[in-house]
């Protein structure tokens, strides 16, 4: 049983993970990249920026000192946005004990390398096993103890079971899975589809369109995942269709909400400037398209989202292009 855990990152999901671990009796170091954030957390005893109204457990100790945060820790939860992950781990990685277990809750793909978060962590992990925790898990709902079920995936079965044991509660259920590639890709690419879902909402395109998008979006995610070595059944599970549905329908989802604003006519630059949180689906769209080209996978929805985001294509025009693609039999792959 773990006695000390460390959470790297003070966003909503990192804070929720710290709260769960603390409620399960662990001493938790919550690492912030800036001392100012530490002082904010210490004074308010809540994460007013990302999770207002949720009082931090007394078992949580915020710190900006990576040595203190990681000393004698047995479980490290990495909750840094994907495009900043490498920079933070270049600071903290050397302090991780060699017998710790690393768990990533980051969703995305690094633009510069096309690596998944777990692959970035492995560069700093040494002999430490790496686990990915993913699935339908909106932080604001978890903070209110609303029931949720997710997946802990790893090539190391014992490491996945450790995360399962240490983070499970009466309202947060965790399954294990050996398909790390599929679980992690599903968590990344679903944010691209969620942007498209939000664009449809902004255009008031209706429920029929949303249902079709989610269905065909899952086909795209599965195509890419299988091409990259994932198991197809992963994508009809919690990390696949489960997370996709939640992200595409929830009013709390950052990616869906950003897409909705774009569908209503707001400029991408304005949406980014006014967001308090990282919208991972936007950079991920570029990375997914590169992967699709690399693996020769057809991903028309992703390509349409990219056209709207980066090529100044009007959302209605992008939808029209999708609807007028050549007619063909329905295929699930």
C-alpha atoms as a PDB file:
ATOM      1  CA  UNK A   1       0.000   0.000   0.000  1.00  0.00           C
ATOM      2  CA  UNK A   2       1.242   3.465  -0.928  1.00  0.00           C
ATOM      3  CA  UNK A   3       1.814   5.893   1.946  1.00  0.00           C
ATOM      4  CA  UNK A   4       3.085   8.928  -0.025  1.00  0.00           C
ATOM      5  CA  UNK A   5       2.002  10.046  -3.490  1.00  0.00           C
ATOM      6  CA  UNK A   6       2.918  13.029  -5.626  1.00  0.00           C
ATOM      7  CA  UNK A   7       0.770  14.868  -8.142  1.00  0.00           C
ATOM      8  CA  UNK A   8       2.617  16.927 -10.758  1.00  0.00           C
ATOM      9  CA  UNK A   9       0.327  19.722 -11.929  1.00  0.00           C
ATOM     10  CA  UNK A  10      -2.298  21.915 -10.265  1.00  0.00           C
ATOM     11  CA  UNK A  11      -5.014  21.932 -12.905  1.00  0.00           C
ATOM     12  CA  UNK A  12      -8.488  20.573 -12.232  1.00  0.00           C
ATOM     13  CA  UNK A  13      -7.640  16.915 -12.866  1.00  0.00           C
ATOM     14  CA  UNK A  14      -4.405  17.047 -10.910  1.00  0.00           C
ATOM     15  CA  UNK A  15      -6.224  18.588  -7.969  1.00  0.00           C
ATOM     16  CA  UNK A  16      -8.972  15.968  -8.114  1.00  0.00           C
ATOM     17  CA  UNK A  17      -6.423  13.143  -8.171  1.00  0.00           C
ATOM     18  CA  UNK A  18      -4.717  14.675  -5.144  1.00  0.00           C
ATOM     19  CA  UNK A  19      -8.059  14.867  -3.341  1.00  0.00           C
ATOM     20  CA  UNK A  20      -8.860  11.218  -4.084  1.00  0.00           C
ATOM     21  CA  UNK A  21      -5.468  10.027  -2.896  1.00  0.00           C
ATOM     22  CA  UNK A  22      -5.725  12.147   0.251  1.00  0.00           C
ATOM     23  CA  UNK A  23      -9.212  10.807   0.987  1.00  0.00           C
ATOM     24  CA  UNK A  24      -7.741   7.312   0.677  1.00  0.00           C
ATOM     25  CA  UNK A  25      -5.319   8.116   3.482  1.00  0.00           C
ATOM     26  CA  UNK A  26      -2.200   9.074   1.492  1.00  0.00           C
ATOM     27  CA  UNK A  27       0.117  11.970   2.211  1.00  0.00           C
ATOM     28  CA  UNK A  28       0.103  13.897  -1.064  1.00  0.00           C
ATOM     29  CA  UNK A  29       2.620  16.392  -2.395  1.00  0.00           C
ATOM     30  CA  UNK A  30       0.954  18.632  -4.980  1.00  0.00           C
ATOM     31  CA  UNK A  31       3.696  20.063  -7.198  1.00  0.00           C
ATOM     32  CA  UNK A  32       3.167  23.466  -8.821  1.00  0.00           C
ATOM     33  CA  UNK A  33       5.549  24.832 -11.421  1.00  0.00           C
ATOM     34  CA  UNK A  34       5.492  28.298  -9.836  1.00  0.00           C
ATOM     35  CA  UNK A  35       5.843  29.398  -6.199  1.00  0.00           C
ATOM     36  CA  UNK A  36       2.999  31.874  -6.707  1.00  0.00           C
ATOM     37  CA  UNK A  37       0.608  28.994  -7.330  1.00  0.00           C
ATOM     38  CA  UNK A  38       1.794  27.317  -4.135  1.00  0.00           C
ATOM     39  CA  UNK A  39       1.030  30.427  -2.119  1.00  0.00           C
ATOM     40  CA  UNK A  40      -2.415  30.743  -3.702  1.00  0.00           C
ATOM     41  CA  UNK A  41      -3.227  27.151  -2.727  1.00  0.00           C
ATOM     42  CA  UNK A  42      -1.823  27.511   0.783  1.00  0.00           C
ATOM     43  CA  UNK A  43      -3.699  30.722   1.543  1.00  0.00           C
ATOM     44  CA  UNK A  44      -7.060  29.742   0.054  1.00  0.00           C
ATOM     45  CA  UNK A  45      -6.801  25.983   0.746  1.00  0.00           C
ATOM     46  CA  UNK A  46      -8.667  25.505  -2.526  1.00  0.00           C
ATOM     47  CA  UNK A  47      -7.845  25.683  -6.234  1.00  0.00           C
ATOM     48  CA  UNK A  48      -9.767  28.856  -6.948  1.00  0.00           C
ATOM     49  CA  UNK A  49      -8.581  29.012 -10.555  1.00  0.00           C
ATOM     50  CA  UNK A  50      -9.621  25.559 -11.768  1.00  0.00           C
ATOM     51  CA  UNK A  51     -11.749  23.962  -9.029  1.00  0.00           C
ATOM     52  CA  UNK A  52     -13.354  26.725  -6.942  1.00  0.00           C
ATOM     53  CA  UNK A  53     -15.359  25.775  -3.905  1.00  0.00           C
ATOM     54  CA  UNK A  54     -13.531  22.492  -3.240  1.00  0.00           C
ATOM     55  CA  UNK A  55     -11.476  22.666  -0.039  1.00  0.00           C
ATOM     56  CA  UNK A  56      -8.116  20.934  -0.216  1.00  0.00           C
ATOM     57  CA  UNK A  57      -7.612  18.014   2.131  1.00  0.00           C
ATOM     58  CA  UNK A  58      -5.246  18.551   5.043  1.00  0.00           C
ATOM     59  CA  UNK A  59      -3.282  15.581   3.662  1.00  0.00           C
ATOM     60  CA  UNK A  60      -2.286  17.653   0.601  1.00  0.00           C
ATOM     61  CA  UNK A  61       0.908  19.714   0.744  1.00  0.00           C
ATOM     62  CA  UNK A  62       1.439  22.130  -2.157  1.00  0.00           C
ATOM     63  CA  UNK A  63       5.079  22.753  -3.098  1.00  0.00           C
ATOM     64  CA  UNK A  64       7.216  24.122  -5.928  1.00  0.00           C
ATOM     65  CA  UNK A  65      10.278  22.162  -4.788  1.00  0.00           C
ATOM     66  CA  UNK A  66      10.665  19.040  -6.962  1.00  0.00           C
ATOM     67  CA  UNK A  67      13.100  17.420  -4.529  1.00  0.00           C
ATOM     68  CA  UNK A  68      10.706  17.724  -1.592  1.00  0.00           C
ATOM     69  CA  UNK A  69       7.703  16.791  -3.727  1.00  0.00           C
ATOM     70  CA  UNK A  70       9.230  13.539  -4.960  1.00  0.00           C
ATOM     71  CA  UNK A  71      11.300  12.434  -1.975  1.00  0.00           C
ATOM     72  CA  UNK A  72      10.272   8.911  -0.907  1.00  0.00           C
ATOM     73  CA  UNK A  73       7.177   8.978  -3.090  1.00  0.00           C
ATOM     74  CA  UNK A  74       5.772   5.668  -4.297  1.00  0.00           C
ATOM     75  CA  UNK A  75       3.186   6.865  -6.825  1.00  0.00           C
ATOM     76  CA  UNK A  76       3.510   9.874  -9.152  1.00  0.00           C
ATOM     77  CA  UNK A  77       0.477  11.245 -10.993  1.00  0.00           C
ATOM     78  CA  UNK A  78       1.455  13.415 -13.970  1.00  0.00           C
ATOM     79  CA  UNK A  79      -1.275  15.946 -14.790  1.00  0.00           C
ATOM     80  CA  UNK A  80       0.547  18.460 -16.998  1.00  0.00           C
ATOM     81  CA  UNK A  81      -0.975  19.545 -20.364  1.00  0.00           C
ATOM     82  CA  UNK A  82       0.638  17.616 -23.185  1.00  0.00           C
ATOM     83  CA  UNK A  83       2.443  20.461 -24.937  1.00  0.00           C
ATOM     84  CA  UNK A  84       4.096  21.494 -21.626  1.00  0.00           C
ATOM     85  CA  UNK A  85       4.765  17.979 -20.358  1.00  0.00           C
ATOM     86  CA  UNK A  86       8.342  17.608 -21.553  1.00  0.00           C
ATOM     87  CA  UNK A  87       9.455  20.956 -20.145  1.00  0.00           C
ATOM     88  CA  UNK A  88       8.108  20.180 -16.687  1.00  0.00           C
ATOM     89  CA  UNK A  89       9.537  16.668 -16.606  1.00  0.00           C
ATOM     90  CA  UNK A  90      12.951  17.975 -17.622  1.00  0.00           C
ATOM     91  CA  UNK A  91      12.816  19.805 -14.261  1.00  0.00           C
ATOM     92  CA  UNK A  92      11.405  17.074 -12.059  1.00  0.00           C
ATOM     93  CA  UNK A  93      12.291  13.756 -13.680  1.00  0.00           C
ATOM     94  CA  UNK A  94      15.668  13.181 -12.056  1.00  0.00           C
ATOM     95  CA  UNK A  95      14.054  13.317  -8.605  1.00  0.00           C
ATOM     96  CA  UNK A  96      11.671  10.385  -9.104  1.00  0.00           C
ATOM     97  CA  UNK A  97      12.606   7.389  -6.918  1.00  0.00           C
ATOM     98  CA  UNK A  98      13.611   4.377  -9.044  1.00  0.00           C
ATOM     99  CA  UNK A  99      10.930   2.136  -7.523  1.00  0.00           C
ATOM    100  CA  UNK A 100       8.005   4.557  -7.996  1.00  0.00           C
ATOM    101  CA  UNK A 101       5.067   4.001 -10.340  1.00  0.00           C
ATOM    102  CA  UNK A 102       4.219   6.787 -12.794  1.00  0.00           C
ATOM    103  CA  UNK A 103       0.634   7.438 -13.885  1.00  0.00           C
ATOM    104  CA  UNK A 104      -0.351   9.878 -16.631  1.00  0.00           C
ATOM    105  CA  UNK A 105      -3.754  11.574 -16.798  1.00  0.00           C
ATOM    106  CA  UNK A 106      -2.661  13.830 -19.683  1.00  0.00           C
ATOM    107  CA  UNK A 107      -4.607  13.616 -22.952  1.00  0.00           C
ATOM    108  CA  UNK A 108      -2.979  14.725 -26.169  1.00  0.00           C
ATOM    109  CA  UNK A 109      -0.102  14.197 -28.595  1.00  0.00           C
ATOM    110  CA  UNK A 110       3.102  16.228 -28.566  1.00  0.00           C
ATOM    111  CA  UNK A 111       3.199  18.286 -31.764  1.00  0.00           C
ATOM    112  CA  UNK A 112       6.961  18.374 -32.216  1.00  0.00           C
ATOM    113  CA  UNK A 113       7.498  14.603 -31.874  1.00  0.00           C
ATOM    114  CA  UNK A 114       4.021  12.994 -32.337  1.00  0.00           C
ATOM    115  CA  UNK A 115       4.645  11.143 -29.072  1.00  0.00           C
ATOM    116  CA  UNK A 116       1.903  10.203 -26.628  1.00  0.00           C
ATOM    117  CA  UNK A 117       2.236  11.437 -23.013  1.00  0.00           C
ATOM    118  CA  UNK A 118       3.308   8.013 -21.729  1.00  0.00           C
ATOM    119  CA  UNK A 119       6.080   7.889 -24.318  1.00  0.00           C
ATOM    120  CA  UNK A 120       7.358  11.256 -23.097  1.00  0.00           C
ATOM    121  CA  UNK A 121       7.259  10.061 -19.488  1.00  0.00           C
ATOM    122  CA  UNK A 122       9.178   6.924 -20.416  1.00  0.00           C
ATOM    123  CA  UNK A 123      12.109   9.120 -21.433  1.00  0.00           C
ATOM    124  CA  UNK A 124      12.377  10.225 -17.799  1.00  0.00           C
ATOM    125  CA  UNK A 125      11.055   7.115 -16.035  1.00  0.00           C
ATOM    126  CA  UNK A 126      14.147   4.928 -15.954  1.00  0.00           C
ATOM    127  CA  UNK A 127      12.949   1.572 -14.668  1.00  0.00           C
ATOM    128  CA  UNK A 128       9.674   2.973 -13.328  1.00  0.00           C
ATOM    129  CA  UNK A 129       6.551   1.464 -14.906  1.00  0.00           C
ATOM    130  CA  UNK A 130       4.156   3.883 -16.622  1.00  0.00           C
ATOM    131  CA  UNK A 131       0.355   3.703 -16.386  1.00  0.00           C
ATOM    132  CA  UNK A 132      -2.277   5.739 -18.250  1.00  0.00           C
ATOM    133  CA  UNK A 133      -5.526   6.631 -16.475  1.00  0.00           C
ATOM    134  CA  UNK A 134      -8.257   7.616 -18.939  1.00  0.00           C
ATOM    135  CA  UNK A 135     -11.981   7.481 -19.551  1.00  0.00           C
ATOM    136  CA  UNK A 136     -15.079   9.650 -18.971  1.00  0.00           C
ATOM    137  CA  UNK A 137     -13.860  11.674 -15.989  1.00  0.00           C
ATOM    138  CA  UNK A 138     -14.831  15.353 -15.959  1.00  0.00           C
ATOM    139  CA  UNK A 139     -12.936  16.853 -13.034  1.00  0.00           C
ATOM    140  CA  UNK A 140     -15.768  19.084 -11.847  1.00  0.00           C
ATOM    141  CA  UNK A 141     -18.055  16.088 -11.450  1.00  0.00           C
ATOM    142  CA  UNK A 142     -15.395  14.017  -9.695  1.00  0.00           C
ATOM    143  CA  UNK A 143     -14.848  16.860  -7.239  1.00  0.00           C
ATOM    144  CA  UNK A 144     -18.540  16.583  -6.302  1.00  0.00           C
ATOM    145  CA  UNK A 145     -18.240  12.806  -5.761  1.00  0.00           C
ATOM    146  CA  UNK A 146     -20.460  12.001  -8.732  1.00  0.00           C
ATOM    147  CA  UNK A 147     -19.954   8.390  -9.895  1.00  0.00           C
ATOM    148  CA  UNK A 148     -17.458   7.736 -12.667  1.00  0.00           C
ATOM    149  CA  UNK A 149     -15.645   4.744 -14.143  1.00  0.00           C
ATOM    150  CA  UNK A 150     -12.298   4.818 -15.962  1.00  0.00           C
ATOM    151  CA  UNK A 151      -9.443   2.579 -17.117  1.00  0.00           C
ATOM    152  CA  UNK A 152      -5.857   2.178 -15.882  1.00  0.00           C
ATOM    153  CA  UNK A 153      -3.756   0.879 -18.772  1.00  0.00           C
ATOM    154  CA  UNK A 154      -0.178  -0.367 -18.736  1.00  0.00           C
ATOM    155  CA  UNK A 155       2.092  -3.012 -20.177  1.00  0.00           C
ATOM    156  CA  UNK A 156       2.935  -3.735 -16.528  1.00  0.00           C
ATOM    157  CA  UNK A 157      -0.109  -5.469 -15.044  1.00  0.00           C
ATOM    158  CA  UNK A 158       1.003  -4.962 -11.451  1.00  0.00           C
ATOM    159  CA  UNK A 159       1.498  -1.227 -12.006  1.00  0.00           C
ATOM    160  CA  UNK A 160      -2.012  -0.896 -13.445  1.00  0.00           C
ATOM    161  CA  UNK A 161      -3.387  -2.790 -10.457  1.00  0.00           C
ATOM    162  CA  UNK A 162      -1.529  -0.477  -8.071  1.00  0.00           C
ATOM    163  CA  UNK A 163      -3.172   2.595  -9.623  1.00  0.00           C
ATOM    164  CA  UNK A 164      -6.510   0.773  -9.552  1.00  0.00           C
ATOM    165  CA  UNK A 165      -6.144   0.005  -5.858  1.00  0.00           C
ATOM    166  CA  UNK A 166      -4.858   3.388  -4.726  1.00  0.00           C
ATOM    167  CA  UNK A 167      -7.322   5.612  -6.612  1.00  0.00           C
ATOM    168  CA  UNK A 168     -10.532   3.577  -6.430  1.00  0.00           C
ATOM    169  CA  UNK A 169     -13.319   4.805  -4.134  1.00  0.00           C
ATOM    170  CA  UNK A 170     -16.992   4.019  -3.572  1.00  0.00           C
ATOM    171  CA  UNK A 171     -17.835   6.474  -6.371  1.00  0.00           C
ATOM    172  CA  UNK A 172     -14.755   6.198  -8.622  1.00  0.00           C
ATOM    173  CA  UNK A 173     -14.346   2.753 -10.180  1.00  0.00           C
ATOM    174  CA  UNK A 174     -11.248   1.746 -12.140  1.00  0.00           C
ATOM    175  CA  UNK A 175     -10.795  -1.177 -14.516  1.00  0.00           C
ATOM    176  CA  UNK A 176      -7.392  -2.323 -15.769  1.00  0.00           C
ATOM    177  CA  UNK A 177      -6.397  -2.762 -19.396  1.00  0.00           C
ATOM    178  CA  UNK A 178      -3.192  -3.877 -21.108  1.00  0.00           C
ATOM    179  CA  UNK A 179      -3.776  -1.798 -24.276  1.00  0.00           C
ATOM    180  CA  UNK A 180      -1.891   1.359 -23.335  1.00  0.00           C
ATOM    181  CA  UNK A 181      -1.663   2.546 -26.944  1.00  0.00           C
ATOM    182  CA  UNK A 182      -5.404   2.274 -27.563  1.00  0.00           C
ATOM    183  CA  UNK A 183      -6.456   3.832 -24.265  1.00  0.00           C
ATOM    184  CA  UNK A 184      -4.109   6.773 -24.698  1.00  0.00           C
ATOM    185  CA  UNK A 185      -4.904   7.412 -28.374  1.00  0.00           C
ATOM    186  CA  UNK A 186      -8.628   7.308 -27.665  1.00  0.00           C
ATOM    187  CA  UNK A 187      -8.190   9.946 -24.960  1.00  0.00           C
ATOM    188  CA  UNK A 188      -6.264  12.201 -27.311  1.00  0.00           C
ATOM    189  CA  UNK A 189      -8.267  11.942 -30.524  1.00  0.00           C
ATOM    190  CA  UNK A 190     -11.680  12.211 -28.874  1.00  0.00           C
ATOM    191  CA  UNK A 191     -10.863  15.855 -28.131  1.00  0.00           C
ATOM    192  CA  UNK A 192     -10.676  16.540 -31.869  1.00  0.00           C
ATOM    193  CA  UNK A 193     -14.128  15.010 -32.362  1.00  0.00           C
ATOM    194  CA  UNK A 194     -15.376  17.027 -29.371  1.00  0.00           C
ATOM    195  CA  UNK A 195     -14.311  20.228 -31.128  1.00  0.00           C
ATOM    196  CA  UNK A 196     -16.399  19.130 -34.110  1.00  0.00           C
ATOM    197  CA  UNK A 197     -19.327  18.358 -31.806  1.00  0.00           C
ATOM    198  CA  UNK A 198     -19.112  21.833 -30.341  1.00  0.00           C
ATOM    199  CA  UNK A 199     -19.024  23.379 -33.805  1.00  0.00           C
ATOM    200  CA  UNK A 200     -22.262  21.528 -34.609  1.00  0.00           C
ATOM    201  CA  UNK A 201     -23.786  22.849 -31.382  1.00  0.00           C
ATOM    202  CA  UNK A 202     -22.725  26.380 -32.273  1.00  0.00           C
ATOM    203  CA  UNK A 203     -24.391  25.994 -35.663  1.00  0.00           C
ATOM    204  CA  UNK A 204     -27.488  24.409 -34.089  1.00  0.00           C
ATOM    205  CA  UNK A 205     -27.103  21.499 -36.487  1.00  0.00           C
ATOM    206  CA  UNK A 206     -29.285  19.201 -34.381  1.00  0.00           C
ATOM    207  CA  UNK A 207     -29.117  15.857 -32.600  1.00  0.00           C
ATOM    208  CA  UNK A 208     -29.094  13.758 -35.777  1.00  0.00           C
ATOM    209  CA  UNK A 209     -25.888  15.452 -36.863  1.00  0.00           C
ATOM    210  CA  UNK A 210     -24.333  15.020 -33.403  1.00  0.00           C
ATOM    211  CA  UNK A 211     -25.155  11.300 -33.340  1.00  0.00           C
ATOM    212  CA  UNK A 212     -23.639  10.806 -36.782  1.00  0.00           C
ATOM    213  CA  UNK A 213     -20.538  12.733 -35.792  1.00  0.00           C
ATOM    214  CA  UNK A 214     -19.938  10.692 -32.646  1.00  0.00           C
ATOM    215  CA  UNK A 215     -20.459   7.437 -34.540  1.00  0.00           C
ATOM    216  CA  UNK A 216     -18.194   8.274 -37.454  1.00  0.00           C
ATOM    217  CA  UNK A 217     -15.718   9.972 -35.145  1.00  0.00           C
ATOM    218  CA  UNK A 218     -15.324   6.699 -33.273  1.00  0.00           C
ATOM    219  CA  UNK A 219     -14.611   5.010 -36.612  1.00  0.00           C
ATOM    220  CA  UNK A 220     -11.785   7.471 -37.254  1.00  0.00           C
ATOM    221  CA  UNK A 221     -10.311   6.991 -33.789  1.00  0.00           C
ATOM    222  CA  UNK A 222     -10.440   3.222 -34.205  1.00  0.00           C
ATOM    223  CA  UNK A 223      -8.844   3.321 -37.654  1.00  0.00           C
ATOM    224  CA  UNK A 224      -5.858   5.260 -36.402  1.00  0.00           C
ATOM    225  CA  UNK A 225      -5.538   3.249 -33.223  1.00  0.00           C
ATOM    226  CA  UNK A 226      -5.562  -0.127 -34.978  1.00  0.00           C
ATOM    227  CA  UNK A 227      -3.055   1.137 -37.544  1.00  0.00           C
ATOM    228  CA  UNK A 228      -0.765   2.069 -34.648  1.00  0.00           C
ATOM    229  CA  UNK A 229      -1.072  -1.317 -32.968  1.00  0.00           C
ATOM    230  CA  UNK A 230      -4.027  -0.865 -30.611  1.00  0.00           C
ATOM    231  CA  UNK A 231      -6.739  -3.448 -29.983  1.00  0.00           C
ATOM    232  CA  UNK A 232     -10.066  -2.613 -31.699  1.00  0.00           C
ATOM    233  CA  UNK A 233     -12.138  -3.634 -28.662  1.00  0.00           C
ATOM    234  CA  UNK A 234     -10.532  -0.847 -26.628  1.00  0.00           C
ATOM    235  CA  UNK A 235     -12.455   1.738 -28.627  1.00  0.00           C
ATOM    236  CA  UNK A 236     -15.870   0.358 -27.698  1.00  0.00           C
ATOM    237  CA  UNK A 237     -14.947   0.535 -24.010  1.00  0.00           C
ATOM    238  CA  UNK A 238     -14.728   3.271 -21.405  1.00  0.00           C
ATOM    239  CA  UNK A 239     -11.595   4.902 -22.806  1.00  0.00           C
ATOM    240  CA  UNK A 240     -13.085   4.916 -26.311  1.00  0.00           C
ATOM    241  CA  UNK A 241     -16.810   5.422 -26.796  1.00  0.00           C
ATOM    242  CA  UNK A 242     -17.336   6.218 -23.095  1.00  0.00           C
ATOM    243  CA  UNK A 243     -14.970   9.162 -23.027  1.00  0.00           C
ATOM    244  CA  UNK A 244     -16.021  10.257 -26.517  1.00  0.00           C
ATOM    245  CA  UNK A 245     -19.713  10.520 -25.616  1.00  0.00           C
ATOM    246  CA  UNK A 246     -19.006  12.437 -22.417  1.00  0.00           C
ATOM    247  CA  UNK A 247     -16.687  14.895 -24.115  1.00  0.00           C
ATOM    248  CA  UNK A 248     -19.071  15.509 -27.011  1.00  0.00           C
ATOM    249  CA  UNK A 249     -22.183  16.176 -24.901  1.00  0.00           C
ATOM    250  CA  UNK A 250     -20.991  17.700 -21.613  1.00  0.00           C
ATOM    251  CA  UNK A 251     -21.481  21.425 -21.116  1.00  0.00           C
ATOM    252  CA  UNK A 252     -18.346  21.315 -18.932  1.00  0.00           C
ATOM    253  CA  UNK A 253     -16.048  19.961 -21.658  1.00  0.00           C
ATOM    254  CA  UNK A 254     -13.423  22.524 -22.700  1.00  0.00           C
ATOM    255  CA  UNK A 255     -13.050  21.181 -26.226  1.00  0.00           C
ATOM    256  CA  UNK A 256     -16.765  20.970 -26.960  1.00  0.00           C
ATOM    257  CA  UNK A 257     -17.288  24.435 -25.489  1.00  0.00           C
ATOM    258  CA  UNK A 258     -14.460  25.886 -27.574  1.00  0.00           C
ATOM    259  CA  UNK A 259     -15.921  24.298 -30.696  1.00  0.00           C
ATOM    260  CA  UNK A 260     -19.333  25.761 -29.892  1.00  0.00           C
ATOM    261  CA  UNK A 261     -17.890  29.255 -29.775  1.00  0.00           C
ATOM    262  CA  UNK A 262     -16.122  28.699 -33.095  1.00  0.00           C
ATOM    263  CA  UNK A 263     -19.376  27.414 -34.588  1.00  0.00           C
ATOM    264  CA  UNK A 264     -21.076  30.627 -33.453  1.00  0.00           C
ATOM    265  CA  UNK A 265     -18.471  32.674 -35.266  1.00  0.00           C
ATOM    266  CA  UNK A 266     -15.831  33.493 -32.646  1.00  0.00           C
ATOM    267  CA  UNK A 267     -12.252  33.587 -33.920  1.00  0.00           C
ATOM    268  CA  UNK A 268      -9.896  30.852 -32.753  1.00  0.00           C
ATOM    269  CA  UNK A 269      -7.470  33.438 -31.349  1.00  0.00           C
ATOM    270  CA  UNK A 270     -10.247  34.932 -29.231  1.00  0.00           C
ATOM    271  CA  UNK A 271     -11.295  31.533 -27.892  1.00  0.00           C
ATOM    272  CA  UNK A 272      -7.715  30.700 -26.934  1.00  0.00           C
ATOM    273  CA  UNK A 273      -7.077  34.092 -25.314  1.00  0.00           C
ATOM    274  CA  UNK A 274     -10.202  33.893 -23.171  1.00  0.00           C
ATOM    275  CA  UNK A 275      -9.805  30.273 -22.037  1.00  0.00           C
ATOM    276  CA  UNK A 276      -8.518  29.737 -18.512  1.00  0.00           C
ATOM    277  CA  UNK A 277      -7.543  26.159 -19.323  1.00  0.00           C
ATOM    278  CA  UNK A 278      -5.582  24.480 -22.097  1.00  0.00           C
ATOM    279  CA  UNK A 279      -7.801  23.280 -24.965  1.00  0.00           C
ATOM    280  CA  UNK A 280      -5.835  20.141 -25.824  1.00  0.00           C
ATOM    281  CA  UNK A 281      -7.873  19.252 -28.909  1.00  0.00           C
ATOM    282  CA  UNK A 282      -6.570  22.243 -30.857  1.00  0.00           C
ATOM    283  CA  UNK A 283      -2.874  21.295 -30.993  1.00  0.00           C
ATOM    284  CA  UNK A 284      -3.834  17.622 -31.029  1.00  0.00           C
ATOM    285  CA  UNK A 285      -5.696  18.174 -34.326  1.00  0.00           C
ATOM    286  CA  UNK A 286      -2.438  19.025 -36.073  1.00  0.00           C
ATOM    287  CA  UNK A 287      -0.642  16.035 -34.555  1.00  0.00           C
ATOM    288  CA  UNK A 288      -3.443  13.602 -35.410  1.00  0.00           C
ATOM    289  CA  UNK A 289      -3.450  14.693 -39.046  1.00  0.00           C
ATOM    290  CA  UNK A 290       0.292  14.074 -39.217  1.00  0.00           C
ATOM    291  CA  UNK A 291      -0.165  10.621 -37.717  1.00  0.00           C
ATOM    292  CA  UNK A 292      -2.999   9.889 -40.155  1.00  0.00           C
ATOM    293  CA  UNK A 293      -0.724  10.738 -43.066  1.00  0.00           C
ATOM    294  CA  UNK A 294       2.144   8.738 -41.586  1.00  0.00           C
ATOM    295  CA  UNK A 295      -0.050   5.631 -41.168  1.00  0.00           C
ATOM    296  CA  UNK A 296      -2.103   6.227 -44.350  1.00  0.00           C
ATOM    297  CA  UNK A 297      -5.382   6.438 -42.427  1.00  0.00           C
ATOM    298  CA  UNK A 298      -8.417   8.324 -43.762  1.00  0.00           C
ATOM    299  CA  UNK A 299      -9.740  10.810 -41.161  1.00  0.00           C
ATOM    300  CA  UNK A 300     -12.175  13.225 -42.869  1.00  0.00           C
ATOM    301  CA  UNK A 301     -13.672  14.638 -39.656  1.00  0.00           C
ATOM    302  CA  UNK A 302     -10.243  15.468 -38.287  1.00  0.00           C
ATOM    303  CA  UNK A 303      -9.300  17.042 -41.608  1.00  0.00           C
ATOM    304  CA  UNK A 304     -12.478  19.168 -41.546  1.00  0.00           C
ATOM    305  CA  UNK A 305     -11.765  20.359 -37.999  1.00  0.00           C
ATOM    306  CA  UNK A 306      -8.236  21.291 -39.051  1.00  0.00           C
ATOM    307  CA  UNK A 307      -9.581  23.247 -42.018  1.00  0.00           C
ATOM    308  CA  UNK A 308     -11.880  25.264 -39.758  1.00  0.00           C
ATOM    309  CA  UNK A 309      -9.225  25.882 -37.103  1.00  0.00           C
ATOM    310  CA  UNK A 310      -6.201  26.634 -39.234  1.00  0.00           C
ATOM    311  CA  UNK A 311      -7.250  27.279 -42.851  1.00  0.00           C
ATOM    312  CA  UNK A 312     -10.078  29.798 -42.304  1.00  0.00           C
ATOM    313  CA  UNK A 313     -12.682  27.439 -43.785  1.00  0.00           C
ATOM    314  CA  UNK A 314     -16.178  28.384 -42.616  1.00  0.00           C
ATOM    315  CA  UNK A 315     -17.782  25.729 -40.388  1.00  0.00           C
ATOM    316  CA  UNK A 316     -20.810  25.415 -42.705  1.00  0.00           C
ATOM    317  CA  UNK A 317     -18.522  24.891 -45.683  1.00  0.00           C
ATOM    318  CA  UNK A 318     -16.604  22.186 -43.830  1.00  0.00           C
ATOM    319  CA  UNK A 319     -19.840  20.362 -42.986  1.00  0.00           C
ATOM    320  CA  UNK A 320     -21.004  20.658 -46.582  1.00  0.00           C
ATOM    321  CA  UNK A 321     -17.750  19.111 -47.790  1.00  0.00           C
ATOM    322  CA  UNK A 322     -18.193  16.188 -45.390  1.00  0.00           C
ATOM    323  CA  UNK A 323     -21.781  15.592 -46.458  1.00  0.00           C
ATOM    324  CA  UNK A 324     -20.866  15.625 -50.148  1.00  0.00           C
ATOM    325  CA  UNK A 325     -18.069  13.092 -49.967  1.00  0.00           C
ATOM    326  CA  UNK A 326     -18.534  10.128 -52.361  1.00  0.00           C
ATOM    327  CA  UNK A 327     -21.287   7.728 -51.291  1.00  0.00           C
ATOM    328  CA  UNK A 328     -20.116   4.340 -49.999  1.00  0.00           C
ATOM    329  CA  UNK A 329     -21.138   1.398 -47.806  1.00  0.00           C
ATOM    330  CA  UNK A 330     -20.975   1.981 -44.048  1.00  0.00           C
ATOM    331  CA  UNK A 331     -17.853   0.443 -42.540  1.00  0.00           C
ATOM    332  CA  UNK A 332     -16.693   0.349 -38.943  1.00  0.00           C
ATOM    333  CA  UNK A 333     -13.021   0.444 -39.883  1.00  0.00           C
END
